[in-house]
């Protein structure tokens, strides 16, 4: 079974919401957890990646191989 979520980050508040949703995703019983994130810049995508990575280091998120995170840049 797969759980798929899609979010857009345009502000710091959006970032906090997505990080919370990512943590909630870790609590689901689905084996393959997929989240798609749309960001306006490459710099923001790097921040998202760093924040998601730190969640695996600082919280019990389960096996990182169960996650499939797709980050898309908005077209300029």
N, C-alpha and C. Protein backbone atom coordinates (compact mmCIF):
# COMPACT_ATOMS: atom_id res chain seq x y z
N UNK A 1 0.84 -1.17 0.00
CA UNK A 1 0.00 0.00 0.00
C UNK A 1 0.89 1.24 0.00
N UNK A 2 0.45 2.29 -0.67
CA UNK A 2 1.23 3.52 -0.81
C UNK A 2 0.44 4.70 -0.27
N UNK A 3 1.14 5.59 0.41
CA UNK A 3 0.54 6.84 0.86
C UNK A 3 1.21 7.97 0.10
N UNK A 4 0.44 8.77 -0.66
CA UNK A 4 1.01 9.85 -1.47
C UNK A 4 0.45 11.18 -1.00
N UNK A 5 1.35 12.15 -0.85
CA UNK A 5 0.96 13.50 -0.45
C UNK A 5 1.71 14.49 -1.33
N UNK A 6 1.07 15.64 -1.59
CA UNK A 6 1.69 16.68 -2.41
C UNK A 6 1.49 18.03 -1.73
N UNK A 7 2.57 18.81 -1.65
CA UNK A 7 2.54 20.11 -0.96
C UNK A 7 3.35 21.14 -1.73
N UNK A 8 3.02 22.41 -1.48
CA UNK A 8 3.75 23.53 -2.07
C UNK A 8 4.32 24.37 -0.93
N UNK A 9 5.59 24.75 -1.07
CA UNK A 9 6.24 25.59 -0.06
C UNK A 9 6.57 26.93 -0.69
N UNK A 10 5.99 27.99 -0.10
CA UNK A 10 6.25 29.35 -0.58
C UNK A 10 6.67 30.27 0.56
N UNK A 11 6.61 29.76 1.80
CA UNK A 11 6.94 30.60 2.96
C UNK A 11 7.48 29.71 4.09
N UNK A 12 7.96 30.37 5.13
CA UNK A 12 8.46 29.63 6.29
C UNK A 12 7.33 28.85 6.95
N UNK A 13 6.14 29.44 6.98
CA UNK A 13 4.98 28.74 7.54
C UNK A 13 4.64 27.48 6.76
N UNK A 14 4.72 27.57 5.43
CA UNK A 14 4.51 26.40 4.59
C UNK A 14 5.53 25.32 4.91
N UNK A 15 6.78 25.74 5.12
CA UNK A 15 7.86 24.79 5.43
C UNK A 15 7.54 24.05 6.73
N UNK A 16 7.12 24.79 7.75
CA UNK A 16 6.79 24.17 9.03
C UNK A 16 5.64 23.18 8.87
N UNK A 17 4.63 23.55 8.09
CA UNK A 17 3.49 22.66 7.86
C UNK A 17 3.91 21.38 7.16
N UNK A 18 4.78 21.51 6.16
CA UNK A 18 5.23 20.33 5.42
C UNK A 18 6.07 19.42 6.31
N UNK A 19 6.91 20.00 7.16
CA UNK A 19 7.72 19.18 8.07
C UNK A 19 6.80 18.41 9.04
N UNK A 20 5.74 19.06 9.50
CA UNK A 20 4.80 18.39 10.39
C UNK A 20 4.05 17.28 9.64
N UNK A 21 3.64 17.55 8.41
CA UNK A 21 2.96 16.53 7.60
C UNK A 21 3.90 15.35 7.33
N UNK A 22 5.19 15.65 7.12
CA UNK A 22 6.16 14.59 6.90
C UNK A 22 6.27 13.70 8.14
N UNK A 23 6.28 14.33 9.30
CA UNK A 23 6.34 13.57 10.54
C UNK A 23 5.08 12.73 10.71
N UNK A 24 3.92 13.30 10.39
CA UNK A 24 2.66 12.54 10.45
C UNK A 24 2.69 11.36 9.49
N UNK A 25 3.30 11.55 8.33
CA UNK A 25 3.43 10.48 7.34
C UNK A 25 4.22 9.31 7.93
N UNK A 26 5.20 9.62 8.76
CA UNK A 26 6.01 8.56 9.37
C UNK A 26 5.18 7.67 10.28
N UNK A 27 4.08 8.18 10.78
CA UNK A 27 3.23 7.42 11.71
C UNK A 27 2.22 6.52 11.00
N UNK A 28 2.10 6.65 9.68
CA UNK A 28 1.16 5.82 8.95
C UNK A 28 1.70 4.39 8.83
N UNK A 29 0.82 3.45 8.59
CA UNK A 29 1.22 2.05 8.49
C UNK A 29 1.62 1.65 7.08
N UNK A 30 1.51 2.57 6.13
CA UNK A 30 1.86 2.22 4.75
C UNK A 30 3.36 1.98 4.63
N UNK A 31 3.73 1.06 3.79
CA UNK A 31 5.15 0.72 3.62
C UNK A 31 5.88 1.77 2.79
N UNK A 32 5.28 2.16 1.68
CA UNK A 32 5.90 3.13 0.79
C UNK A 32 5.25 4.49 1.01
N UNK A 33 6.01 5.42 1.56
CA UNK A 33 5.51 6.75 1.89
C UNK A 33 6.05 7.75 0.87
N UNK A 34 5.16 8.35 0.09
CA UNK A 34 5.57 9.25 -0.98
C UNK A 34 5.05 10.65 -0.72
N UNK A 35 5.93 11.63 -0.86
CA UNK A 35 5.54 13.03 -0.69
C UNK A 35 6.16 13.82 -1.83
N UNK A 36 5.34 14.63 -2.48
CA UNK A 36 5.82 15.53 -3.53
C UNK A 36 5.76 16.95 -2.99
N UNK A 37 6.85 17.69 -3.21
CA UNK A 37 6.95 19.06 -2.71
C UNK A 37 7.34 19.96 -3.87
N UNK A 38 6.62 21.06 -4.02
CA UNK A 38 6.92 22.05 -5.05
C UNK A 38 7.49 23.28 -4.36
N UNK A 39 8.65 23.74 -4.85
CA UNK A 39 9.31 24.92 -4.28
C UNK A 39 9.64 25.89 -5.41
N UNK A 40 9.75 27.20 -5.09
CA UNK A 40 10.00 28.18 -6.14
C UNK A 40 11.47 28.29 -6.57
N UNK A 41 12.42 27.88 -5.71
CA UNK A 41 13.85 28.06 -6.04
C UNK A 41 14.67 26.83 -5.67
N UNK A 42 15.82 26.71 -6.31
CA UNK A 42 16.75 25.62 -5.99
C UNK A 42 17.28 25.77 -4.57
N UNK A 43 17.50 27.01 -4.15
CA UNK A 43 17.99 27.25 -2.79
C UNK A 43 17.02 26.73 -1.74
N UNK A 44 15.73 26.96 -1.97
CA UNK A 44 14.72 26.47 -1.04
C UNK A 44 14.65 24.95 -1.06
N UNK A 45 14.88 24.36 -2.21
CA UNK A 45 14.88 22.89 -2.28
C UNK A 45 16.01 22.32 -1.42
N UNK A 46 17.16 22.99 -1.40
CA UNK A 46 18.27 22.55 -0.55
C UNK A 46 17.91 22.63 0.93
N UNK A 47 17.19 23.68 1.31
CA UNK A 47 16.76 23.83 2.69
C UNK A 47 15.78 22.72 3.06
N UNK A 48 14.86 22.41 2.16
CA UNK A 48 13.89 21.33 2.40
C UNK A 48 14.63 20.01 2.60
N UNK A 49 15.57 19.71 1.73
CA UNK A 49 16.32 18.46 1.83
C UNK A 49 17.06 18.39 3.16
N UNK A 50 17.68 19.48 3.56
CA UNK A 50 18.41 19.53 4.82
C UNK A 50 17.47 19.29 6.00
N UNK A 51 16.31 19.94 5.98
CA UNK A 51 15.34 19.77 7.07
C UNK A 51 14.79 18.35 7.14
N UNK A 52 14.48 17.77 5.99
CA UNK A 52 13.98 16.39 5.99
C UNK A 52 15.04 15.42 6.49
N UNK A 53 16.27 15.63 6.06
CA UNK A 53 17.37 14.78 6.51
C UNK A 53 17.55 14.87 8.03
N UNK A 54 17.46 16.08 8.58
CA UNK A 54 17.65 16.25 10.02
C UNK A 54 16.53 15.56 10.81
N UNK A 55 15.35 15.45 10.21
CA UNK A 55 14.27 14.74 10.88
C UNK A 55 14.63 13.27 11.10
N UNK A 56 15.33 12.66 10.14
CA UNK A 56 15.74 11.27 10.31
C UNK A 56 16.80 11.13 11.38
N UNK A 57 17.59 12.17 11.57
CA UNK A 57 18.64 12.13 12.58
C UNK A 57 18.10 12.40 13.98
N UNK A 58 17.03 13.20 14.08
CA UNK A 58 16.56 13.67 15.38
C UNK A 58 15.23 13.09 15.85
N UNK A 59 14.53 12.37 15.00
CA UNK A 59 13.23 11.78 15.36
C UNK A 59 13.19 10.34 14.90
N UNK A 60 12.30 9.58 15.49
CA UNK A 60 12.11 8.19 15.07
C UNK A 60 11.19 8.18 13.85
N UNK A 61 11.80 8.18 12.67
CA UNK A 61 11.04 8.25 11.42
C UNK A 61 10.92 6.89 10.74
N UNK A 62 11.54 5.87 11.28
CA UNK A 62 11.52 4.56 10.64
C UNK A 62 12.63 4.44 9.61
N UNK A 63 12.47 3.52 8.72
CA UNK A 63 13.48 3.23 7.70
C UNK A 63 13.42 4.27 6.58
N UNK A 64 14.51 5.00 6.33
CA UNK A 64 14.52 6.00 5.25
C UNK A 64 14.20 5.41 3.88
N UNK A 65 14.44 4.13 3.69
CA UNK A 65 14.16 3.49 2.39
C UNK A 65 12.67 3.36 2.11
N UNK A 66 11.85 3.56 3.13
CA UNK A 66 10.40 3.50 2.94
C UNK A 66 9.84 4.80 2.37
N UNK A 67 10.68 5.84 2.28
CA UNK A 67 10.23 7.16 1.85
C UNK A 67 10.69 7.47 0.43
N UNK A 68 9.81 8.15 -0.28
CA UNK A 68 10.10 8.60 -1.64
C UNK A 68 9.65 10.06 -1.70
N UNK A 69 10.63 10.96 -1.60
CA UNK A 69 10.32 12.39 -1.59
C UNK A 69 10.73 12.97 -2.94
N UNK A 70 9.79 13.62 -3.59
CA UNK A 70 10.03 14.25 -4.89
C UNK A 70 9.94 15.76 -4.71
N UNK A 71 10.99 16.45 -5.09
CA UNK A 71 10.99 17.91 -4.97
C UNK A 71 11.03 18.50 -6.38
N UNK A 72 10.05 19.34 -6.65
CA UNK A 72 9.92 19.95 -7.97
C UNK A 72 10.13 21.46 -7.86
N UNK A 73 10.84 22.02 -8.83
CA UNK A 73 10.99 23.47 -8.91
C UNK A 73 9.88 24.03 -9.78
N UNK A 74 9.30 25.15 -9.32
CA UNK A 74 8.30 25.83 -10.14
C UNK A 74 8.99 26.36 -11.40
N UNK A 75 8.28 26.38 -12.46
CA UNK A 75 8.84 26.95 -13.69
C UNK A 75 8.89 28.45 -13.56
N UNK A 76 10.01 29.00 -13.98
CA UNK A 76 10.18 30.46 -13.89
C UNK A 76 9.80 31.13 -15.17
